[in-house]
Amino acid sequence: MEREPDMMAIGGRRLTDTGPGLDVMVIDVAVMDGDWRREVRTEVIERVLAALAEACGLPKPSPAWWVNFRVIDEGSWGFSGGALSVLSLLDSGVFTEEKAKAIRAAIDG
């Protein structure tokens, strides 16, 4: 659904107040439940924005880019009609042993 810039806000500012010619981008980062402390989420968001700026040939991210960081419950990932679980990845080597232990602890609660 396309919306007019005066109907959208990013970071509490209406897009019409940020200046002309800005391309709006909303990035949705969805992760499985785990050890997502505030500083870790912040680092992920900053890296995503920096990578996008680099890919677009810009010196820094645009103020019209917004990142949503969502934590999705274990087993709720849709995958070919089923549910994908992080548990099947814990012993695959994708995560460091420390991160795998933190994920297990978060899931076991």
C-alpha atoms as a PDB file:
ATOM      1  CA  MET A   1       0.000   0.000   0.000  1.00  0.00           C
ATOM      2  CA  GLU A   2       1.473   3.321  -1.033  1.00  0.00           C
ATOM      3  CA  ARG A   3       1.020   6.277   1.290  1.00  0.00           C
ATOM      4  CA  GLU A   4       1.658   9.975   0.821  1.00  0.00           C
ATOM      5  CA  PRO A   5       4.778  11.326   2.639  1.00  0.00           C
ATOM      6  CA  ASP A   6       2.649  13.588   4.856  1.00  0.00           C
ATOM      7  CA  MET A   7       0.955  10.437   6.217  1.00  0.00           C
ATOM      8  CA  MET A   8       4.205   8.745   7.310  1.00  0.00           C
ATOM      9  CA  ALA A   9       6.675   9.405  10.111  1.00  0.00           C
ATOM     10  CA  ILE A  10      10.081   7.930  10.849  1.00  0.00           C
ATOM     11  CA  GLY A  11      11.674   8.443  14.239  1.00  0.00           C
ATOM     12  CA  GLY A  12       8.894  10.812  15.260  1.00  0.00           C
ATOM     13  CA  ARG A  13       9.329  13.149  12.257  1.00  0.00           C
ATOM     14  CA  ARG A  14       6.896  13.392   9.376  1.00  0.00           C
ATOM     15  CA  LEU A  15       8.619  12.592   6.105  1.00  0.00           C
ATOM     16  CA  THR A  16       7.486  15.899   4.630  1.00  0.00           C
ATOM     17  CA  ASP A  17       9.554  17.609   7.354  1.00  0.00           C
ATOM     18  CA  THR A  18      12.810  15.801   6.441  1.00  0.00           C
ATOM     19  CA  GLY A  19      13.340  17.532   3.106  1.00  0.00           C
ATOM     20  CA  PRO A  20      12.594  16.853  -0.546  1.00  0.00           C
ATOM     21  CA  GLY A  21      13.810  13.938  -2.586  1.00  0.00           C
ATOM     22  CA  LEU A  22      14.271  11.350   0.138  1.00  0.00           C
ATOM     23  CA  ASP A  23      13.618   7.733  -0.733  1.00  0.00           C
ATOM     24  CA  VAL A  24      11.743   5.981   2.040  1.00  0.00           C
ATOM     25  CA  MET A  25      12.884   2.500   2.992  1.00  0.00           C
ATOM     26  CA  VAL A  26      11.496   0.327   5.779  1.00  0.00           C
ATOM     27  CA  ILE A  27      13.606  -2.716   6.646  1.00  0.00           C
ATOM     28  CA  ASP A  28      12.069  -5.510   8.679  1.00  0.00           C
ATOM     29  CA  VAL A  29      14.625  -7.576  10.592  1.00  0.00           C
ATOM     30  CA  ALA A  30      12.944 -10.670  12.023  1.00  0.00           C
ATOM     31  CA  VAL A  31      15.005 -12.913  14.286  1.00  0.00           C
ATOM     32  CA  MET A  32      14.349 -16.009  16.339  1.00  0.00           C
ATOM     33  CA  ASP A  33      14.131 -15.646  20.087  1.00  0.00           C
ATOM     34  CA  GLY A  34      17.526 -15.518  21.735  1.00  0.00           C
ATOM     35  CA  ASP A  35      19.958 -13.202  23.466  1.00  0.00           C
ATOM     36  CA  TRP A  36      18.923  -9.869  21.861  1.00  0.00           C
ATOM     37  CA  ARG A  37      19.981  -7.291  24.436  1.00  0.00           C
ATOM     38  CA  ARG A  38      19.444  -3.632  23.516  1.00  0.00           C
ATOM     39  CA  GLU A  39      23.100  -3.093  22.602  1.00  0.00           C
ATOM     40  CA  VAL A  40      23.078  -6.167  20.342  1.00  0.00           C
ATOM     41  CA  ARG A  41      19.905  -5.002  18.567  1.00  0.00           C
ATOM     42  CA  THR A  42      21.427  -1.542  18.143  1.00  0.00           C
ATOM     43  CA  GLU A  43      24.578  -3.007  16.596  1.00  0.00           C
ATOM     44  CA  VAL A  44      22.548  -5.149  14.168  1.00  0.00           C
ATOM     45  CA  ILE A  45      20.452  -2.155  13.088  1.00  0.00           C
ATOM     46  CA  GLU A  46      23.541   0.047  12.628  1.00  0.00           C
ATOM     47  CA  ARG A  47      25.248  -2.638  10.537  1.00  0.00           C
ATOM     48  CA  VAL A  48      22.154  -3.145   8.357  1.00  0.00           C
ATOM     49  CA  LEU A  49      21.889   0.604   7.719  1.00  0.00           C
ATOM     50  CA  ALA A  50      25.621   0.933   7.012  1.00  0.00           C
ATOM     51  CA  ALA A  51      25.522  -1.983   4.559  1.00  0.00           C
ATOM     52  CA  LEU A  52      22.534  -0.477   2.759  1.00  0.00           C
ATOM     53  CA  ALA A  53      24.253   2.911   2.521  1.00  0.00           C
ATOM     54  CA  GLU A  54      27.362   1.274   1.090  1.00  0.00           C
ATOM     55  CA  ALA A  55      25.287  -0.749  -1.404  1.00  0.00           C
ATOM     56  CA  CYS A  56      23.533   2.449  -2.500  1.00  0.00           C
ATOM     57  CA  GLY A  57      26.833   4.343  -2.828  1.00  0.00           C
ATOM     58  CA  LEU A  58      25.956   6.764  -0.034  1.00  0.00           C
ATOM     59  CA  PRO A  59      28.336   8.033   2.670  1.00  0.00           C
ATOM     60  CA  LYS A  60      25.744   7.408   5.405  1.00  0.00           C
ATOM     61  CA  PRO A  61      22.221   6.018   5.818  1.00  0.00           C
ATOM     62  CA  SER A  62      19.320   8.227   4.792  1.00  0.00           C
ATOM     63  CA  PRO A  63      17.156   9.722   7.556  1.00  0.00           C
ATOM     64  CA  ALA A  64      14.180   8.301   5.643  1.00  0.00           C
ATOM     65  CA  TRP A  65      15.264   4.701   6.324  1.00  0.00           C
ATOM     66  CA  TRP A  66      13.683   2.892   9.257  1.00  0.00           C
ATOM     67  CA  VAL A  67      14.514  -0.521  10.693  1.00  0.00           C
ATOM     68  CA  ASN A  68      11.964  -2.641  12.553  1.00  0.00           C
ATOM     69  CA  PHE A  69      13.643  -5.261  14.746  1.00  0.00           C
ATOM     70  CA  ARG A  70      11.234  -8.047  15.658  1.00  0.00           C
ATOM     71  CA  VAL A  71      11.861 -11.138  17.765  1.00  0.00           C
ATOM     72  CA  ILE A  72       9.738 -14.061  16.627  1.00  0.00           C
ATOM     73  CA  ASP A  73       8.868 -16.921  18.964  1.00  0.00           C
ATOM     74  CA  GLU A  74      10.632 -20.246  18.498  1.00  0.00           C
ATOM     75  CA  GLY A  75       8.890 -22.425  15.924  1.00  0.00           C
ATOM     76  CA  SER A  76       6.752 -19.660  14.401  1.00  0.00           C
ATOM     77  CA  TRP A  77       8.857 -19.202  11.250  1.00  0.00           C
ATOM     78  CA  GLY A  78       6.920 -20.247   8.174  1.00  0.00           C
ATOM     79  CA  PHE A  79       8.945 -22.501   5.873  1.00  0.00           C
ATOM     80  CA  SER A  80       7.335 -24.370   2.977  1.00  0.00           C
ATOM     81  CA  GLY A  81       4.090 -24.758   4.864  1.00  0.00           C
ATOM     82  CA  GLY A  82       5.798 -25.818   8.090  1.00  0.00           C
ATOM     83  CA  ALA A  83       7.659 -24.200  10.937  1.00  0.00           C
ATOM     84  CA  LEU A  84      11.409 -23.649  10.914  1.00  0.00           C
ATOM     85  CA  SER A  85      13.077 -24.007  14.291  1.00  0.00           C
ATOM     86  CA  VAL A  86      16.338 -22.493  15.489  1.00  0.00           C
ATOM     87  CA  LEU A  87      16.904 -25.707  17.458  1.00  0.00           C
ATOM     88  CA  SER A  88      17.893 -27.537  14.272  1.00  0.00           C
ATOM     89  CA  LEU A  89      20.628 -24.932  13.710  1.00  0.00           C
ATOM     90  CA  LEU A  90      22.177 -24.982  17.193  1.00  0.00           C
ATOM     91  CA  ASP A  91      24.489 -27.917  16.473  1.00  0.00           C
ATOM     92  CA  SER A  92      25.193 -26.957  12.850  1.00  0.00           C
ATOM     93  CA  GLY A  93      28.136 -24.632  13.541  1.00  0.00           C
ATOM     94  CA  VAL A  94      26.198 -21.529  12.472  1.00  0.00           C
ATOM     95  CA  PHE A  95      26.410 -20.173  16.018  1.00  0.00           C
ATOM     96  CA  THR A  96      29.444 -19.995  18.277  1.00  0.00           C
ATOM     97  CA  GLU A  97      29.208 -22.381  21.236  1.00  0.00           C
ATOM     98  CA  GLU A  98      28.703 -19.377  23.541  1.00  0.00           C
ATOM     99  CA  LYS A  99      25.826 -18.042  21.402  1.00  0.00           C
ATOM    100  CA  ALA A 100      24.267 -21.530  21.110  1.00  0.00           C
ATOM    101  CA  LYS A 101      24.306 -21.843  24.927  1.00  0.00           C
ATOM    102  CA  ALA A 102      22.713 -18.381  25.270  1.00  0.00           C
ATOM    103  CA  ILE A 103      19.981 -19.305  22.780  1.00  0.00           C
ATOM    104  CA  ARG A 104      19.265 -22.589  24.594  1.00  0.00           C
ATOM    105  CA  ALA A 105      19.080 -20.737  27.903  1.00  0.00           C
ATOM    106  CA  ALA A 106      16.685 -18.120  26.466  1.00  0.00           C
ATOM    107  CA  ILE A 107      14.423 -20.772  24.951  1.00  0.00           C
ATOM    108  CA  ASP A 108      14.422 -22.929  28.085  1.00  0.00           C
ATOM    109  CA  GLY A 109      13.694 -19.749  30.099  1.00  0.00           C
END
